[in-house]
N, C-alpha and C. Protein backbone atom coordinates (compact mmCIF):
# COMPACT_ATOMS: atom_id res chain seq x y z
N MET A 1 72.79 3.89 -33.10
CA MET A 1 72.79 3.52 -34.89
C MET A 1 73.30 2.34 -34.64
N ALA A 2 72.80 1.66 -35.62
CA ALA A 2 73.44 0.37 -35.51
C ALA A 2 74.64 0.00 -36.28
N ARG A 3 75.51 -1.07 -35.91
CA ARG A 3 76.74 -0.90 -37.00
C ARG A 3 76.40 -2.24 -38.06
N LEU A 4 77.46 -2.27 -39.14
CA LEU A 4 77.01 -3.12 -40.29
C LEU A 4 78.26 -3.69 -40.25
N LEU A 5 79.02 -4.79 -40.55
CA LEU A 5 80.09 -5.77 -41.12
C LEU A 5 80.03 -6.24 -42.15
N LEU A 6 81.00 -6.11 -43.04
CA LEU A 6 81.04 -6.76 -44.42
C LEU A 6 82.28 -7.36 -44.09
N PHE A 7 82.10 -8.58 -43.79
CA PHE A 7 83.43 -9.66 -43.85
C PHE A 7 83.72 -10.12 -44.88
N ASN A 8 85.00 -10.72 -45.61
CA ASN A 8 85.16 -11.90 -46.57
C ASN A 8 85.93 -13.22 -45.50
N LYS A 9 84.74 -13.88 -45.43
CA LYS A 9 85.30 -15.08 -44.72
C LYS A 9 86.13 -15.62 -45.61
N PRO A 10 87.16 -16.37 -45.59
CA PRO A 10 88.16 -16.83 -45.63
C PRO A 10 87.59 -18.76 -45.70
N PHE A 11 87.86 -19.14 -46.26
CA PHE A 11 87.51 -20.99 -46.75
C PHE A 11 88.64 -21.37 -45.31
N GLY A 12 87.19 -22.48 -44.75
CA GLY A 12 88.01 -22.81 -43.42
C GLY A 12 87.63 -22.47 -42.59
N VAL A 13 86.82 -21.24 -42.54
CA VAL A 13 87.04 -20.53 -41.57
C VAL A 13 85.22 -20.28 -41.03
N LEU A 14 84.67 -20.74 -39.55
CA LEU A 14 83.53 -20.86 -39.47
C LEU A 14 83.44 -19.59 -38.83
N SER A 15 81.57 -19.95 -39.43
CA SER A 15 80.59 -18.45 -39.64
C SER A 15 80.47 -18.35 -37.58
N GLN A 16 81.13 -18.47 -36.89
CA GLN A 16 80.89 -18.10 -35.49
C GLN A 16 81.99 -17.93 -34.10
N PHE A 17 81.89 -16.90 -33.62
CA PHE A 17 82.96 -16.56 -32.85
C PHE A 17 83.54 -17.44 -31.71
N THR A 18 83.15 -19.16 -31.61
CA THR A 18 83.58 -19.80 -30.74
C THR A 18 83.33 -20.99 -31.27
N ASP A 19 84.71 -22.20 -31.12
CA ASP A 19 84.13 -23.72 -31.98
C ASP A 19 84.06 -24.35 -30.73
N ARG A 20 82.83 -24.76 -30.82
CA ARG A 20 82.50 -26.15 -29.55
C ARG A 20 82.33 -27.42 -30.31
N GLY A 21 83.09 -28.07 -29.37
CA GLY A 21 82.61 -29.50 -29.64
C GLY A 21 83.67 -30.09 -30.22
N SER A 22 84.52 -29.44 -30.74
CA SER A 22 85.90 -30.11 -32.26
C SER A 22 86.79 -30.79 -31.36
N PRO A 23 87.24 -31.95 -31.27
CA PRO A 23 88.49 -32.03 -30.83
C PRO A 23 89.38 -31.22 -31.13
N THR A 24 89.31 -30.81 -32.63
CA THR A 24 90.85 -30.02 -32.78
C THR A 24 90.42 -28.45 -32.75
N LEU A 25 91.26 -27.70 -32.98
CA LEU A 25 91.01 -26.02 -32.90
C LEU A 25 90.61 -25.93 -34.07
N ARG A 26 89.49 -25.19 -34.58
CA ARG A 26 89.39 -24.53 -35.59
C ARG A 26 89.21 -23.27 -35.69
N SER A 27 89.40 -22.33 -36.97
CA SER A 27 89.19 -20.67 -37.03
C SER A 27 88.19 -20.42 -37.20
N THR A 28 87.63 -19.75 -36.01
CA THR A 28 86.41 -19.09 -36.26
C THR A 28 86.83 -17.30 -36.15
N LEU A 29 85.78 -16.73 -36.49
CA LEU A 29 85.30 -15.12 -36.72
C LEU A 29 86.03 -14.65 -35.65
N SER A 30 86.16 -15.02 -34.67
CA SER A 30 87.15 -13.95 -33.35
C SER A 30 88.81 -13.90 -33.81
N ASP A 31 89.39 -14.59 -34.43
CA ASP A 31 90.49 -14.80 -35.33
C ASP A 31 90.58 -13.38 -35.90
N PHE A 32 89.97 -12.98 -36.80
CA PHE A 32 89.66 -11.85 -37.37
C PHE A 32 88.70 -10.88 -36.98
N ILE A 33 87.66 -10.80 -36.40
CA ILE A 33 87.04 -9.43 -35.78
C ILE A 33 87.24 -9.34 -34.28
N THR A 34 87.79 -8.18 -34.20
CA THR A 34 87.62 -7.97 -32.71
C THR A 34 86.52 -6.69 -32.10
N VAL A 35 85.50 -6.54 -32.96
CA VAL A 35 84.65 -5.78 -32.68
C VAL A 35 83.93 -6.41 -31.94
N LYS A 36 83.49 -5.42 -30.85
CA LYS A 36 82.58 -6.41 -30.06
C LYS A 36 80.98 -5.70 -30.30
N GLY A 37 80.43 -7.18 -29.43
CA GLY A 37 78.55 -6.77 -29.78
C GLY A 37 77.69 -7.16 -31.06
N VAL A 38 78.60 -7.28 -32.24
CA VAL A 38 78.06 -7.47 -33.66
C VAL A 38 78.14 -9.36 -33.67
N TYR A 39 77.08 -9.98 -34.36
CA TYR A 39 76.35 -11.29 -34.98
C TYR A 39 76.35 -11.37 -35.73
N PRO A 40 76.74 -12.64 -36.54
CA PRO A 40 76.58 -12.97 -37.93
C PRO A 40 75.34 -12.71 -38.52
N ALA A 41 74.94 -12.76 -39.38
CA ALA A 41 73.74 -12.43 -40.22
C ALA A 41 73.37 -13.49 -40.97
N GLY A 42 72.89 -14.45 -40.69
CA GLY A 42 73.05 -15.63 -41.40
C GLY A 42 74.19 -16.15 -41.19
N ARG A 43 74.21 -17.67 -42.24
CA ARG A 43 75.98 -18.49 -41.89
C ARG A 43 76.62 -18.84 -43.39
N LEU A 44 77.81 -18.89 -43.60
CA LEU A 44 78.28 -19.65 -44.88
C LEU A 44 79.45 -20.85 -44.56
N ASP A 45 79.11 -22.41 -44.52
CA ASP A 45 79.81 -23.03 -44.84
C ASP A 45 81.31 -23.11 -44.38
N ARG A 46 81.56 -23.65 -43.75
CA ARG A 46 83.20 -23.62 -43.72
C ARG A 46 84.33 -23.60 -44.84
N ASP A 47 83.62 -24.89 -45.47
CA ASP A 47 83.80 -25.22 -46.90
C ASP A 47 83.59 -23.47 -47.85
N SER A 48 82.69 -22.60 -47.58
CA SER A 48 82.65 -21.60 -48.74
C SER A 48 83.11 -20.45 -48.03
N GLU A 49 83.63 -19.40 -49.11
CA GLU A 49 84.31 -18.30 -48.72
C GLU A 49 83.16 -16.92 -49.28
N GLY A 50 83.82 -15.69 -49.18
CA GLY A 50 83.03 -14.85 -49.46
C GLY A 50 82.44 -13.96 -48.49
N LEU A 51 81.28 -13.09 -48.33
CA LEU A 51 80.52 -12.22 -48.06
C LEU A 51 79.43 -12.77 -46.80
N LEU A 52 79.78 -12.46 -45.39
CA LEU A 52 79.25 -12.62 -44.42
C LEU A 52 78.89 -11.61 -43.82
N LEU A 53 77.73 -11.04 -43.57
CA LEU A 53 77.10 -9.62 -42.64
C LEU A 53 77.08 -9.72 -41.32
N LEU A 54 78.09 -8.79 -40.42
CA LEU A 54 77.79 -9.13 -39.01
C LEU A 54 77.20 -7.77 -38.58
N CYS A 55 76.02 -7.40 -37.75
CA CYS A 55 75.83 -6.71 -37.06
C CYS A 55 75.31 -6.55 -35.65
N ASP A 56 75.12 -5.62 -35.15
CA ASP A 56 74.60 -5.51 -33.31
C ASP A 56 73.03 -4.64 -33.50
N ASP A 57 71.89 -5.10 -34.47
CA ASP A 57 71.17 -4.65 -34.48
C ASP A 57 70.16 -5.90 -35.00
N GLY A 58 69.37 -6.74 -33.98
CA GLY A 58 68.88 -7.77 -34.23
C GLY A 58 67.56 -7.38 -35.46
N ARG A 59 66.91 -6.43 -35.31
CA ARG A 59 66.13 -6.36 -36.13
C ARG A 59 66.57 -6.19 -37.95
N LEU A 60 68.01 -5.31 -37.60
CA LEU A 60 68.87 -5.79 -39.76
C LEU A 60 68.82 -6.70 -39.25
N GLN A 61 69.35 -7.94 -38.09
CA GLN A 61 70.15 -8.89 -38.35
C GLN A 61 68.54 -10.01 -39.01
N ALA A 62 67.52 -9.90 -38.70
CA ALA A 62 66.43 -11.02 -38.79
C ALA A 62 66.27 -10.47 -40.52
N ARG A 63 66.09 -9.12 -40.80
CA ARG A 63 66.05 -8.41 -42.06
C ARG A 63 66.74 -9.09 -42.97
N ILE A 64 67.82 -9.21 -42.34
CA ILE A 64 69.59 -10.04 -43.51
C ILE A 64 69.19 -11.27 -43.89
N SER A 65 69.01 -11.74 -43.01
CA SER A 65 69.43 -13.62 -42.33
C SER A 65 67.64 -14.06 -43.14
N ASP A 66 66.15 -13.67 -42.97
CA ASP A 66 64.95 -14.14 -42.79
C ASP A 66 64.64 -14.65 -44.05
N PRO A 67 64.21 -15.28 -44.64
CA PRO A 67 64.13 -15.90 -45.65
C PRO A 67 62.78 -15.16 -46.91
N ARG A 68 61.61 -14.80 -45.23
CA ARG A 68 60.46 -13.87 -45.67
C ARG A 68 60.90 -12.59 -46.39
N PHE A 69 61.80 -11.94 -46.08
CA PHE A 69 62.67 -10.83 -46.50
C PHE A 69 63.27 -11.08 -48.30
N LYS A 70 63.72 -11.98 -48.88
CA LYS A 70 63.69 -12.45 -49.98
C LYS A 70 65.10 -12.05 -50.83
N LEU A 71 65.83 -11.18 -49.38
CA LEU A 71 66.75 -10.38 -50.32
C LEU A 71 67.78 -11.79 -51.15
N PRO A 72 68.43 -11.72 -52.36
CA PRO A 72 69.20 -12.29 -53.40
C PRO A 72 70.54 -12.35 -52.40
N LYS A 73 70.90 -13.61 -52.72
CA LYS A 73 72.35 -14.00 -52.53
C LYS A 73 72.96 -14.45 -53.43
N THR A 74 73.55 -13.95 -53.95
CA THR A 74 74.64 -14.04 -55.36
C THR A 74 75.77 -14.44 -55.07
N TYR A 75 76.07 -15.82 -55.60
CA TYR A 75 77.56 -16.43 -54.96
C TYR A 75 78.15 -16.56 -56.82
N LEU A 76 79.30 -17.30 -56.83
CA LEU A 76 80.36 -17.16 -58.18
C LEU A 76 80.92 -19.30 -57.80
N VAL A 77 80.38 -19.71 -58.60
CA VAL A 77 80.41 -21.08 -58.37
C VAL A 77 81.23 -21.98 -59.08
N GLN A 78 82.14 -22.26 -58.53
CA GLN A 78 83.05 -23.17 -59.64
C GLN A 78 82.34 -24.49 -59.86
N VAL A 79 82.25 -25.26 -60.77
CA VAL A 79 81.48 -26.39 -60.79
C VAL A 79 82.43 -27.49 -61.52
N GLU A 80 82.30 -28.93 -61.36
CA GLU A 80 82.64 -29.52 -61.85
C GLU A 80 82.03 -29.69 -63.52
N GLY A 81 82.33 -30.05 -64.60
CA GLY A 81 81.58 -30.26 -65.93
C GLY A 81 81.53 -29.17 -66.68
N ASP A 82 80.76 -29.14 -68.06
CA ASP A 82 80.78 -28.10 -68.96
C ASP A 82 78.89 -28.08 -68.78
N PRO A 83 78.25 -27.07 -67.93
CA PRO A 83 77.67 -26.33 -67.96
C PRO A 83 76.52 -26.73 -69.28
N GLN A 84 75.52 -27.08 -69.50
CA GLN A 84 74.53 -26.96 -70.65
C GLN A 84 73.12 -26.32 -70.27
N GLU A 85 72.23 -25.83 -71.21
CA GLU A 85 71.47 -25.13 -70.94
C GLU A 85 70.62 -25.87 -70.59
N LEU A 86 70.14 -27.18 -70.53
CA LEU A 86 69.33 -27.66 -69.60
C LEU A 86 69.71 -27.96 -67.99
N GLU A 87 70.72 -28.06 -67.89
CA GLU A 87 70.93 -27.89 -66.63
C GLU A 87 70.53 -26.51 -65.88
N LEU A 88 71.21 -25.69 -66.58
CA LEU A 88 71.00 -23.98 -66.59
C LEU A 88 69.32 -24.28 -66.29
N GLU A 89 68.55 -24.58 -66.90
CA GLU A 89 67.43 -24.40 -67.02
C GLU A 89 66.84 -24.73 -65.67
N ARG A 90 67.18 -26.09 -65.40
CA ARG A 90 66.61 -26.90 -64.40
C ARG A 90 67.04 -26.18 -62.93
N LEU A 91 68.34 -25.16 -62.72
CA LEU A 91 68.46 -24.14 -61.80
C LEU A 91 67.01 -23.24 -61.70
N ARG A 92 67.22 -22.67 -63.37
CA ARG A 92 66.15 -21.69 -63.29
C ARG A 92 64.36 -21.88 -63.03
N GLN A 93 64.53 -22.72 -62.44
CA GLN A 93 63.14 -23.61 -62.74
C GLN A 93 63.12 -23.72 -61.26
N GLY A 94 63.99 -24.62 -60.45
CA GLY A 94 63.85 -24.85 -59.15
C GLY A 94 64.37 -26.36 -59.20
N VAL A 95 64.84 -26.57 -58.24
CA VAL A 95 64.97 -28.09 -58.23
C VAL A 95 64.43 -28.86 -56.94
N ARG A 96 64.39 -30.01 -57.24
CA ARG A 96 63.66 -31.01 -56.42
C ARG A 96 64.66 -31.24 -55.70
N LEU A 97 65.22 -31.44 -54.18
CA LEU A 97 66.15 -31.48 -52.82
C LEU A 97 64.80 -32.49 -52.13
N LYS A 98 66.19 -32.95 -51.44
CA LYS A 98 65.18 -33.86 -49.95
C LYS A 98 64.57 -33.22 -49.10
N ASP A 99 64.65 -32.26 -49.29
CA ASP A 99 63.83 -31.27 -48.35
C ASP A 99 62.68 -30.37 -48.62
N GLY A 100 62.80 -30.80 -49.95
CA GLY A 100 61.31 -30.16 -51.43
C GLY A 100 61.94 -29.42 -52.06
N MET A 101 61.17 -28.64 -53.24
CA MET A 101 61.38 -28.28 -54.33
C MET A 101 62.42 -26.76 -53.57
N THR A 102 63.29 -26.33 -54.61
CA THR A 102 63.53 -24.58 -54.32
C THR A 102 63.14 -24.00 -55.33
N LEU A 103 63.04 -22.73 -54.45
CA LEU A 103 62.43 -21.24 -55.76
C LEU A 103 63.32 -21.73 -56.61
N PRO A 104 63.23 -20.69 -57.86
CA PRO A 104 63.98 -20.65 -59.12
C PRO A 104 64.82 -19.29 -59.07
N ALA A 105 66.18 -19.68 -59.12
CA ALA A 105 67.07 -19.30 -59.22
C ALA A 105 67.75 -18.22 -60.31
N ASP A 106 68.26 -17.08 -60.22
CA ASP A 106 69.50 -16.57 -60.97
C ASP A 106 70.02 -17.19 -61.32
N VAL A 107 70.70 -17.91 -63.01
CA VAL A 107 71.33 -18.35 -63.23
C VAL A 107 72.18 -18.23 -64.60
N ALA A 108 73.44 -17.88 -64.48
CA ALA A 108 74.06 -17.54 -65.99
C ALA A 108 75.27 -17.97 -65.80
N ARG A 109 76.18 -18.44 -67.25
CA ARG A 109 77.32 -19.37 -66.85
C ARG A 109 78.32 -18.14 -67.08
N ILE A 110 79.19 -17.92 -66.22
CA ILE A 110 80.22 -16.81 -66.80
C ILE A 110 81.46 -17.04 -66.49
N ASP A 111 82.31 -16.17 -67.30
CA ASP A 111 84.06 -16.10 -67.54
C ASP A 111 84.96 -16.52 -66.03
N GLU A 112 85.60 -17.10 -65.85
CA GLU A 112 86.54 -17.39 -64.36
C GLU A 112 86.34 -15.46 -63.66
N PRO A 113 86.02 -15.95 -62.76
CA PRO A 113 86.00 -14.11 -62.24
C PRO A 113 87.38 -13.93 -61.96
N ASP A 114 87.63 -12.83 -61.65
CA ASP A 114 89.30 -12.46 -60.65
C ASP A 114 88.99 -12.22 -59.31
N LEU A 115 89.30 -13.36 -58.81
CA LEU A 115 89.03 -13.77 -57.28
C LEU A 115 90.65 -14.05 -56.88
N TRP A 116 90.51 -13.75 -55.59
CA TRP A 116 92.18 -14.41 -54.54
C TRP A 116 92.13 -15.62 -54.90
N PRO A 117 93.50 -16.02 -54.46
CA PRO A 117 93.47 -17.48 -54.78
C PRO A 117 92.86 -18.18 -53.54
N ARG A 118 92.72 -19.53 -53.35
CA ARG A 118 91.98 -19.81 -52.40
C ARG A 118 92.77 -20.57 -52.01
N ASP A 119 93.20 -20.75 -50.60
CA ASP A 119 94.00 -21.52 -49.95
C ASP A 119 92.91 -22.75 -48.94
N PRO A 120 93.42 -23.74 -48.66
CA PRO A 120 94.07 -24.24 -50.22
C PRO A 120 93.20 -24.16 -51.20
N PRO A 121 94.26 -24.77 -52.71
CA PRO A 121 93.59 -24.21 -53.79
C PRO A 121 92.80 -25.69 -54.38
N ILE A 122 92.00 -25.28 -55.27
CA ILE A 122 91.04 -26.53 -56.14
C ILE A 122 92.15 -27.40 -56.42
N ARG A 123 91.75 -28.37 -56.29
CA ARG A 123 92.18 -29.34 -57.37
C ARG A 123 91.88 -29.59 -58.81
N GLN A 124 92.76 -29.36 -59.57
CA GLN A 124 92.82 -29.65 -60.89
C GLN A 124 92.86 -30.48 -61.52
N ARG A 125 92.34 -31.03 -62.38
CA ARG A 125 92.33 -32.82 -62.82
C ARG A 125 92.18 -32.03 -64.70
N LYS A 126 92.77 -32.49 -65.34
CA LYS A 126 92.77 -32.52 -66.99
C LYS A 126 91.96 -33.03 -67.63
N ALA A 127 91.97 -34.32 -67.12
CA ALA A 127 90.64 -35.09 -67.68
C ALA A 127 89.10 -34.46 -67.29
N ILE A 128 88.95 -33.35 -66.69
CA ILE A 128 87.40 -33.08 -66.40
C ILE A 128 87.27 -31.43 -66.19
N LEU A 129 87.01 -31.27 -67.23
CA LEU A 129 86.42 -29.52 -67.00
C LEU A 129 85.81 -29.20 -66.36
N ASP A 130 85.89 -27.67 -66.03
CA ASP A 130 85.14 -27.19 -64.80
C ASP A 130 85.29 -25.90 -65.09
N SER A 131 83.76 -25.28 -64.74
CA SER A 131 83.09 -23.92 -65.52
C SER A 131 82.55 -22.82 -64.40
N TRP A 132 82.53 -22.00 -64.42
CA TRP A 132 82.12 -21.18 -63.47
C TRP A 132 80.51 -20.87 -63.76
N LEU A 133 79.80 -20.59 -62.67
CA LEU A 133 78.56 -19.90 -62.61
C LEU A 133 78.26 -19.19 -62.12
N LYS A 134 77.39 -18.01 -62.21
CA LYS A 134 76.58 -16.88 -60.79
C LYS A 134 75.54 -17.38 -60.69
N ILE A 135 75.20 -17.53 -59.57
CA ILE A 135 73.49 -17.91 -58.81
C ILE A 135 73.32 -17.26 -58.35
N ALA A 136 71.97 -16.88 -57.89
CA ALA A 136 71.55 -15.75 -57.38
C ALA A 136 70.51 -16.47 -56.54
N ILE A 137 69.95 -16.68 -54.83
CA ILE A 137 68.87 -17.18 -54.91
C ILE A 137 68.09 -16.62 -53.47
N ARG A 138 66.45 -16.55 -53.32
CA ARG A 138 65.78 -16.07 -52.78
C ARG A 138 65.76 -16.79 -51.23
N GLU A 139 66.82 -17.58 -51.31
CA GLU A 139 66.39 -18.58 -49.80
C GLU A 139 67.46 -19.22 -48.85
N GLY A 140 67.33 -19.93 -48.29
CA GLY A 140 68.57 -20.04 -47.51
C GLY A 140 68.47 -21.79 -46.51
N ARG A 141 68.35 -22.49 -47.64
CA ARG A 141 68.62 -23.83 -46.77
C ARG A 141 70.05 -24.23 -46.64
N ASN A 142 69.95 -25.38 -46.02
CA ASN A 142 71.73 -25.36 -45.47
C ASN A 142 72.13 -25.67 -46.69
N ARG A 143 74.01 -25.60 -47.05
CA ARG A 143 74.63 -25.86 -48.09
C ARG A 143 73.46 -25.90 -49.79
N GLN A 144 72.97 -25.46 -49.95
CA GLN A 144 71.64 -25.09 -51.02
C GLN A 144 72.33 -25.22 -51.88
N VAL A 145 73.06 -24.34 -52.04
CA VAL A 145 74.13 -23.99 -53.63
C VAL A 145 74.33 -25.03 -53.95
N ARG A 146 75.11 -25.86 -52.69
CA ARG A 146 76.43 -26.78 -53.53
C ARG A 146 74.95 -28.36 -54.06
N ARG A 147 74.10 -28.04 -52.92
CA ARG A 147 72.99 -29.00 -53.18
C ARG A 147 72.14 -29.50 -54.36
N MET A 148 72.07 -27.93 -54.69
CA MET A 148 71.28 -27.55 -56.47
C MET A 148 72.35 -27.91 -57.38
N THR A 149 73.79 -27.85 -57.40
CA THR A 149 74.09 -27.87 -58.51
C THR A 149 74.77 -29.48 -58.62
N ALA A 150 74.73 -30.35 -57.51
CA ALA A 150 74.93 -31.65 -57.36
C ALA A 150 73.69 -32.72 -57.84
N ALA A 151 72.55 -31.40 -58.04
CA ALA A 151 71.22 -32.46 -58.39
C ALA A 151 70.97 -32.47 -59.69
N VAL A 152 71.92 -31.41 -60.55
CA VAL A 152 71.58 -31.50 -61.54
C VAL A 152 73.07 -31.84 -62.27
N GLY A 153 74.10 -32.56 -61.08
CA GLY A 153 74.89 -33.62 -62.49
C GLY A 153 76.73 -32.22 -62.46
N LEU A 154 76.41 -31.12 -61.47
CA LEU A 154 77.70 -30.23 -61.75
C LEU A 154 77.98 -29.90 -60.23
N PRO A 155 78.71 -30.82 -59.64
CA PRO A 155 79.57 -30.80 -58.59
C PRO A 155 80.01 -29.35 -57.98
N THR A 156 80.13 -28.94 -56.66
CA THR A 156 80.29 -27.46 -56.72
C THR A 156 81.89 -28.16 -56.45
N LEU A 157 83.12 -27.35 -56.60
CA LEU A 157 84.37 -26.93 -56.55
C LEU A 157 84.64 -25.98 -55.43
N ARG A 158 84.31 -25.23 -55.28
CA ARG A 158 84.40 -23.67 -55.23
C ARG A 158 82.90 -23.04 -55.02
N LEU A 159 82.79 -22.38 -53.90
CA LEU A 159 81.49 -21.42 -53.97
C LEU A 159 81.99 -20.07 -52.78
N VAL A 160 81.80 -18.85 -53.78
CA VAL A 160 81.97 -18.27 -53.53
C VAL A 160 81.32 -16.72 -52.91
N ARG A 161 80.01 -16.48 -51.30
CA ARG A 161 79.23 -15.69 -51.74
C ARG A 161 80.05 -13.93 -52.37
N TRP A 162 78.86 -13.58 -53.59
CA TRP A 162 79.41 -12.16 -53.74
C TRP A 162 78.98 -11.12 -52.58
N SER A 163 77.44 -11.77 -53.10
CA SER A 163 76.48 -10.63 -52.39
C SER A 163 75.36 -10.98 -51.90
N ILE A 164 74.60 -9.83 -51.20
CA ILE A 164 73.68 -10.19 -50.34
C ILE A 164 72.79 -8.59 -50.45
N GLY A 165 71.85 -8.95 -51.39
CA GLY A 165 70.99 -7.57 -51.49
C GLY A 165 72.11 -6.57 -52.21
N ASP A 166 72.19 -5.60 -51.91
CA ASP A 166 73.31 -4.49 -52.48
C ASP A 166 74.33 -4.81 -51.86
N TRP A 167 74.67 -5.54 -50.63
CA TRP A 167 75.92 -5.45 -50.00
C TRP A 167 76.96 -6.70 -50.92
N SER A 168 78.25 -5.88 -51.42
CA SER A 168 79.26 -6.90 -52.49
C SER A 168 80.10 -6.87 -50.95
N VAL A 169 81.35 -8.30 -51.31
CA VAL A 169 82.49 -8.10 -50.38
C VAL A 169 83.42 -7.45 -51.90
N ALA A 170 83.43 -6.78 -53.12
CA ALA A 170 84.03 -6.55 -54.38
C ALA A 170 84.91 -5.49 -53.29
N GLY A 171 86.29 -5.89 -53.26
CA GLY A 171 86.91 -4.64 -53.20
C GLY A 171 87.45 -5.47 -51.60
N ILE A 172 87.20 -6.02 -50.72
CA ILE A 172 87.49 -6.57 -49.60
C ILE A 172 88.41 -7.87 -49.39
N ALA A 173 89.53 -7.57 -49.66
CA ALA A 173 90.33 -8.81 -48.86
C ALA A 173 90.30 -9.79 -48.26
N PRO A 174 90.29 -11.72 -48.39
CA PRO A 174 89.66 -12.52 -47.32
C PRO A 174 90.28 -12.58 -46.15
N GLY A 175 89.78 -12.33 -44.88
CA GLY A 175 90.14 -12.04 -43.64
C GLY A 175 89.90 -11.00 -43.18
N GLN A 176 89.39 -9.74 -44.08
CA GLN A 176 89.13 -8.59 -43.83
C GLN A 176 87.47 -8.31 -43.41
N PHE A 177 87.45 -6.83 -43.53
CA PHE A 177 86.00 -6.21 -43.25
C PHE A 177 85.99 -4.93 -43.27
N GLU A 178 84.55 -4.25 -43.56
CA GLU A 178 84.35 -2.86 -43.56
C GLU A 178 83.55 -2.81 -43.24
N ALA A 179 83.22 -1.95 -42.08
CA ALA A 179 82.27 -1.61 -41.20
C ALA A 179 81.23 0.02 -41.43
N PHE A 180 79.88 -0.22 -41.68
CA PHE A 180 79.21 1.06 -41.51
C PHE A 180 78.40 1.13 -40.78
N SER A 181 77.86 2.40 -40.33
CA SER A 181 76.52 2.25 -39.74
C SER A 181 75.20 2.50 -40.39
N VAL A 182 74.04 2.05 -39.49
CA VAL A 182 73.08 2.01 -40.66
C VAL A 182 72.66 2.95 -41.70
N GLY A 183 72.56 3.92 -40.83
CA GLY A 183 72.68 5.32 -41.74
C GLY A 183 73.37 5.46 -43.08
N GLU A 184 74.92 4.97 -42.90
CA GLU A 184 75.30 4.98 -44.47
C GLU A 184 74.73 4.09 -45.75
N ILE A 185 73.62 3.09 -45.34
CA ILE A 185 73.62 2.12 -46.13
C ILE A 185 72.18 2.88 -46.48
N THR A 186 72.01 2.09 -48.15
CA THR A 186 70.66 2.88 -48.54
C THR A 186 69.31 2.27 -47.97
N SER A 187 68.24 2.97 -48.21
CA SER A 187 66.88 2.66 -47.77
C SER A 187 66.94 1.08 -48.48
N GLY A 188 66.76 0.79 -49.91
CA GLY A 188 66.73 0.08 -50.76
C GLY A 188 67.31 -0.81 -50.51
N THR A 189 68.47 -0.91 -49.72
CA THR A 189 69.15 -2.11 -49.17
C THR A 189 68.55 -2.68 -47.93
N TYR A 190 68.32 -1.72 -46.82
CA TYR A 190 67.87 -2.37 -46.18
C TYR A 190 66.22 -2.53 -45.90
N GLY A 191 65.76 -2.04 -46.51
CA GLY A 191 64.59 -2.11 -46.53
C GLY A 191 63.74 -1.23 -45.23
N GLY A 192 64.62 -0.33 -45.06
CA GLY A 192 63.09 0.44 -44.05
C GLY A 192 63.32 0.58 -43.34
């Protein structure tokens, strides 16, 4: 039976078990996860936080990370500025990036979520407003959400991946994980 770990990746941690090629030692998954034989299903940038799925089954790993399966990835995004309907609609329609047009995103403005404090904290500036968005995408380009918000004039300050499909980081503290067997996961999430 396959194992699946739901890990709340802290800010500054690499989404890999070793750090190759860096002159300074950076934090990796091996600082938090001692379970052997699991590997990340997808990536989460070093400066992003939240849900990272790890598993020991190649088919499940592909099903989670391959854009063909279009599992929605939902992010809570703190942006600089005061998003108006025009910017939100551009995100909903898809945004032209250097590597082409993105698929449409589900986007809503939300109240500031009750999240763990980020270390280091986001720099607050009195003269510049910030807001929170909930953005769900169904593809996984490099730094996609950050590039999308920047393209509509709303630079990302903090990015937290909240869920992938039905799996969520809710209730999991930063640096902690919950482990499941595939038999415990609903077939709607796994896709059969």
